[in-house]
Amino acid sequence: MKPKNKQFTAAGTDIEEVKRLNAASGLTYNQVKARLANQKKN
């Protein structure tokens, strides 16, 4: 579902597009660190 009023930053970046791309990008740095720490324990 697309928002009716797109929000843009001062530089012209589409905020919803950035959120969508971030959600699809995979693990964050901290998530990777946590998984590696858990693997070391086991």
PDB file of N, CA and C in Angstrom:
ATOM      1  N   MET A   1       0.837  -1.176   0.000  1.00  0.00           N
ATOM      2  CA  MET A   1       0.000   0.000   0.000  1.00  0.00           C
ATOM      3  C   MET A   1       0.880   1.238   0.000  1.00  0.00           C
ATOM      4  N   LYS A   2       0.650   2.137  -0.903  1.00  0.00           N
ATOM      5  CA  LYS A   2       1.461   3.346  -0.998  1.00  0.00           C
ATOM      6  C   LYS A   2       0.812   4.473  -0.208  1.00  0.00           C
ATOM      7  N   PRO A   3       1.627   5.238   0.499  1.00  0.00           N
ATOM      8  CA  PRO A   3       1.066   6.372   1.238  1.00  0.00           C
ATOM      9  C   PRO A   3       0.549   7.432   0.275  1.00  0.00           C
ATOM     10  N   LYS A   4      -0.504   8.143   0.688  1.00  0.00           N
ATOM     11  CA  LYS A   4      -1.087   9.180  -0.165  1.00  0.00           C
ATOM     12  C   LYS A   4      -0.141  10.358  -0.311  1.00  0.00           C
ATOM     13  N   ASN A   5       0.427  10.806   0.796  1.00  0.00           N
ATOM     14  CA  ASN A   5       1.340  11.943   0.778  1.00  0.00           C
ATOM     15  C   ASN A   5       2.741  11.454   1.082  1.00  0.00           C
ATOM     16  N   LYS A   6       3.572  11.410   0.066  1.00  0.00           N
ATOM     17  CA  LYS A   6       4.949  10.975   0.282  1.00  0.00           C
ATOM     18  C   LYS A   6       5.698  12.031   1.069  1.00  0.00           C
ATOM     19  N   GLN A   7       6.563  11.545   1.965  1.00  0.00           N
ATOM     20  CA  GLN A   7       7.382  12.447   2.773  1.00  0.00           C
ATOM     21  C   GLN A   7       8.800  12.418   2.226  1.00  0.00           C
ATOM     22  N   PHE A   8       9.365  13.597   2.069  1.00  0.00           N
ATOM     23  CA  PHE A   8      10.721  13.716   1.570  1.00  0.00           C
ATOM     24  C   PHE A   8      11.559  14.519   2.552  1.00  0.00           C
ATOM     25  N   THR A   9      12.848  14.207   2.613  1.00  0.00           N
ATOM     26  CA  THR A   9      13.775  14.996   3.425  1.00  0.00           C
ATOM     27  C   THR A   9      14.085  16.290   2.697  1.00  0.00           C
ATOM     28  N   ALA A  10      14.834  17.157   3.341  1.00  0.00           N
ATOM     29  CA  ALA A  10      15.228  18.428   2.715  1.00  0.00           C
ATOM     30  C   ALA A  10      16.051  18.182   1.455  1.00  0.00           C
ATOM     31  N   ALA A  11      16.777  17.064   1.412  1.00  0.00           N
ATOM     32  CA  ALA A  11      17.604  16.746   0.248  1.00  0.00           C
ATOM     33  C   ALA A  11      16.811  16.050  -0.859  1.00  0.00           C
ATOM     34  N   GLY A  12      15.533  15.745  -0.591  1.00  0.00           N
ATOM     35  CA  GLY A  12      14.697  15.128  -1.607  1.00  0.00           C
ATOM     36  C   GLY A  12      14.597  13.620  -1.533  1.00  0.00           C
ATOM     37  N   THR A  13      15.069  13.016  -0.449  1.00  0.00           N
ATOM     38  CA  THR A  13      15.025  11.570  -0.292  1.00  0.00           C
ATOM     39  C   THR A  13      13.627  11.137   0.131  1.00  0.00           C
ATOM     40  N   ASP A  14      13.098  10.101  -0.503  1.00  0.00           N
ATOM     41  CA  ASP A  14      11.788   9.542  -0.167  1.00  0.00           C
ATOM     42  C   ASP A  14      11.935   8.693   1.105  1.00  0.00           C
ATOM     43  N   ILE A  15      11.362   9.154   2.200  1.00  0.00           N
ATOM     44  CA  ILE A  15      11.532   8.504   3.501  1.00  0.00           C
ATOM     45  C   ILE A  15      10.961   7.084   3.495  1.00  0.00           C
ATOM     46  N   GLU A  16       9.783   6.889   2.913  1.00  0.00           N
ATOM     47  CA  GLU A  16       9.172   5.559   2.896  1.00  0.00           C
ATOM     48  C   GLU A  16       9.993   4.576   2.070  1.00  0.00           C
ATOM     49  N   GLU A  17      10.586   5.037   1.000  1.00  0.00           N
ATOM     50  CA  GLU A  17      11.437   4.173   0.173  1.00  0.00           C
ATOM     51  C   GLU A  17      12.666   3.728   0.951  1.00  0.00           C
ATOM     52  N   VAL A  18      13.266   4.624   1.718  1.00  0.00           N
ATOM     53  CA  VAL A  18      14.422   4.278   2.536  1.00  0.00           C
ATOM     54  C   VAL A  18      14.038   3.239   3.586  1.00  0.00           C
ATOM     55  N   LYS A  19      12.895   3.421   4.232  1.00  0.00           N
ATOM     56  CA  LYS A  19      12.428   2.456   5.234  1.00  0.00           C
ATOM     57  C   LYS A  19      12.201   1.090   4.600  1.00  0.00           C
ATOM     58  N   ARG A  20      11.616   1.080   3.410  1.00  0.00           N
ATOM     59  CA  ARG A  20      11.354  -0.183   2.719  1.00  0.00           C
ATOM     60  C   ARG A  20      12.662  -0.892   2.362  1.00  0.00           C
ATOM     61  N   LEU A  21      13.616  -0.148   1.858  1.00  0.00           N
ATOM     62  CA  LEU A  21      14.900  -0.737   1.488  1.00  0.00           C
ATOM     63  C   LEU A  21      15.661  -1.234   2.712  1.00  0.00           C
ATOM     64  N   ASN A  22      15.599  -0.494   3.810  1.00  0.00           N
ATOM     65  CA  ASN A  22      16.260  -0.923   5.035  1.00  0.00           C
ATOM     66  C   ASN A  22      15.668  -2.215   5.572  1.00  0.00           C
ATOM     67  N   ALA A  23      14.355  -2.352   5.498  1.00  0.00           N
ATOM     68  CA  ALA A  23      13.694  -3.560   5.982  1.00  0.00           C
ATOM     69  C   ALA A  23      14.098  -4.785   5.174  1.00  0.00           C
ATOM     70  N   ALA A  24      14.404  -4.586   3.910  1.00  0.00           N
ATOM     71  CA  ALA A  24      14.750  -5.700   3.031  1.00  0.00           C
ATOM     72  C   ALA A  24      16.255  -5.943   2.942  1.00  0.00           C
ATOM     73  N   SER A  25      17.059  -5.195   3.678  1.00  0.00           N
ATOM     74  CA  SER A  25      18.503  -5.255   3.489  1.00  0.00           C
ATOM     75  C   SER A  25      19.205  -6.366   4.258  1.00  0.00           C
ATOM     76  N   GLY A  26      18.543  -7.007   5.206  1.00  0.00           N
ATOM     77  CA  GLY A  26      19.181  -8.091   5.940  1.00  0.00           C
ATOM     78  C   GLY A  26      19.513  -7.707   7.359  1.00  0.00           C
ATOM     79  N   LEU A  27      20.482  -8.388   7.929  1.00  0.00           N
ATOM     80  CA  LEU A  27      20.843  -8.189   9.325  1.00  0.00           C
ATOM     81  C   LEU A  27      21.593  -6.877   9.546  1.00  0.00           C
ATOM     82  N   THR A  28      21.387  -6.304  10.724  1.00  0.00           N
ATOM     83  CA  THR A  28      22.146  -5.121  11.101  1.00  0.00           C
ATOM     84  C   THR A  28      23.483  -5.568  11.684  1.00  0.00           C
ATOM     85  N   TYR A  29      24.378  -4.638  11.854  1.00  0.00           N
ATOM     86  CA  TYR A  29      25.683  -4.917  12.445  1.00  0.00           C
ATOM     87  C   TYR A  29      25.527  -5.539  13.828  1.00  0.00           C
ATOM     88  N   ASN A  30      24.637  -4.969  14.648  1.00  0.00           N
ATOM     89  CA  ASN A  30      24.441  -5.484  16.007  1.00  0.00           C
ATOM     90  C   ASN A  30      23.807  -6.871  16.006  1.00  0.00           C
ATOM     91  N   GLN A  31      22.926  -7.161  15.054  1.00  0.00           N
ATOM     92  CA  GLN A  31      22.341  -8.494  14.963  1.00  0.00           C
ATOM     93  C   GLN A  31      23.405  -9.524  14.599  1.00  0.00           C
ATOM     94  N   VAL A  32      24.308  -9.177  13.716  1.00  0.00           N
ATOM     95  CA  VAL A  32      25.398 -10.082  13.342  1.00  0.00           C
ATOM     96  C   VAL A  32      26.302 -10.332  14.543  1.00  0.00           C
ATOM     97  N   LYS A  33      26.637  -9.268  15.281  1.00  0.00           N
ATOM     98  CA  LYS A  33      27.480  -9.427  16.475  1.00  0.00           C
ATOM     99  C   LYS A  33      26.819 -10.357  17.481  1.00  0.00           C
ATOM    100  N   ALA A  34      25.518 -10.212  17.701  1.00  0.00           N
ATOM    101  CA  ALA A  34      24.805 -11.047  18.667  1.00  0.00           C
ATOM    102  C   ALA A  34      24.804 -12.506  18.221  1.00  0.00           C
ATOM    103  N   ARG A  35      24.580 -12.747  16.938  1.00  0.00           N
ATOM    104  CA  ARG A  35      24.585 -14.124  16.440  1.00  0.00           C
ATOM    105  C   ARG A  35      25.958 -14.758  16.559  1.00  0.00           C
ATOM    106  N   LEU A  36      27.001 -14.011  16.255  1.00  0.00           N
ATOM    107  CA  LEU A  36      28.362 -14.544  16.387  1.00  0.00           C
ATOM    108  C   LEU A  36      28.693 -14.839  17.841  1.00  0.00           C
ATOM    109  N   ALA A  37      28.264 -13.982  18.746  1.00  0.00           N
ATOM    110  CA  ALA A  37      28.502 -14.209  20.171  1.00  0.00           C
ATOM    111  C   ALA A  37      27.788 -15.462  20.639  1.00  0.00           C
ATOM    112  N   ASN A  38      26.579 -15.688  20.156  1.00  0.00           N
ATOM    113  CA  ASN A  38      25.830 -16.886  20.526  1.00  0.00           C
ATOM    114  C   ASN A  38      26.480 -18.142  19.963  1.00  0.00           C
ATOM    115  N   GLN A  39      27.046 -18.056  18.775  1.00  0.00           N
ATOM    116  CA  GLN A  39      27.729 -19.211  18.185  1.00  0.00           C
ATOM    117  C   GLN A  39      28.976 -19.565  18.959  1.00  0.00           C
ATOM    118  N   LYS A  40      29.691 -18.552  19.462  1.00  0.00           N
ATOM    119  CA  LYS A  40      30.892 -18.814  20.244  1.00  0.00           C
ATOM    120  C   LYS A  40      30.562 -19.549  21.541  1.00  0.00           C
ATOM    121  N   LYS A  41      29.421 -19.203  22.145  1.00  0.00           N
ATOM    122  CA  LYS A  41      29.013 -19.836  23.410  1.00  0.00           C
ATOM    123  C   LYS A  41      28.695 -21.312  23.226  1.00  0.00           C
ATOM    124  N   ASN A  42      28.174 -21.675  22.066  1.00  0.00           N
ATOM    125  CA  ASN A  42      27.738 -23.060  21.831  1.00  0.00           C
ATOM    126  C   ASN A  42      28.816 -23.901  21.256  1.00  0.00           C
TER     127      ASN A  42
END
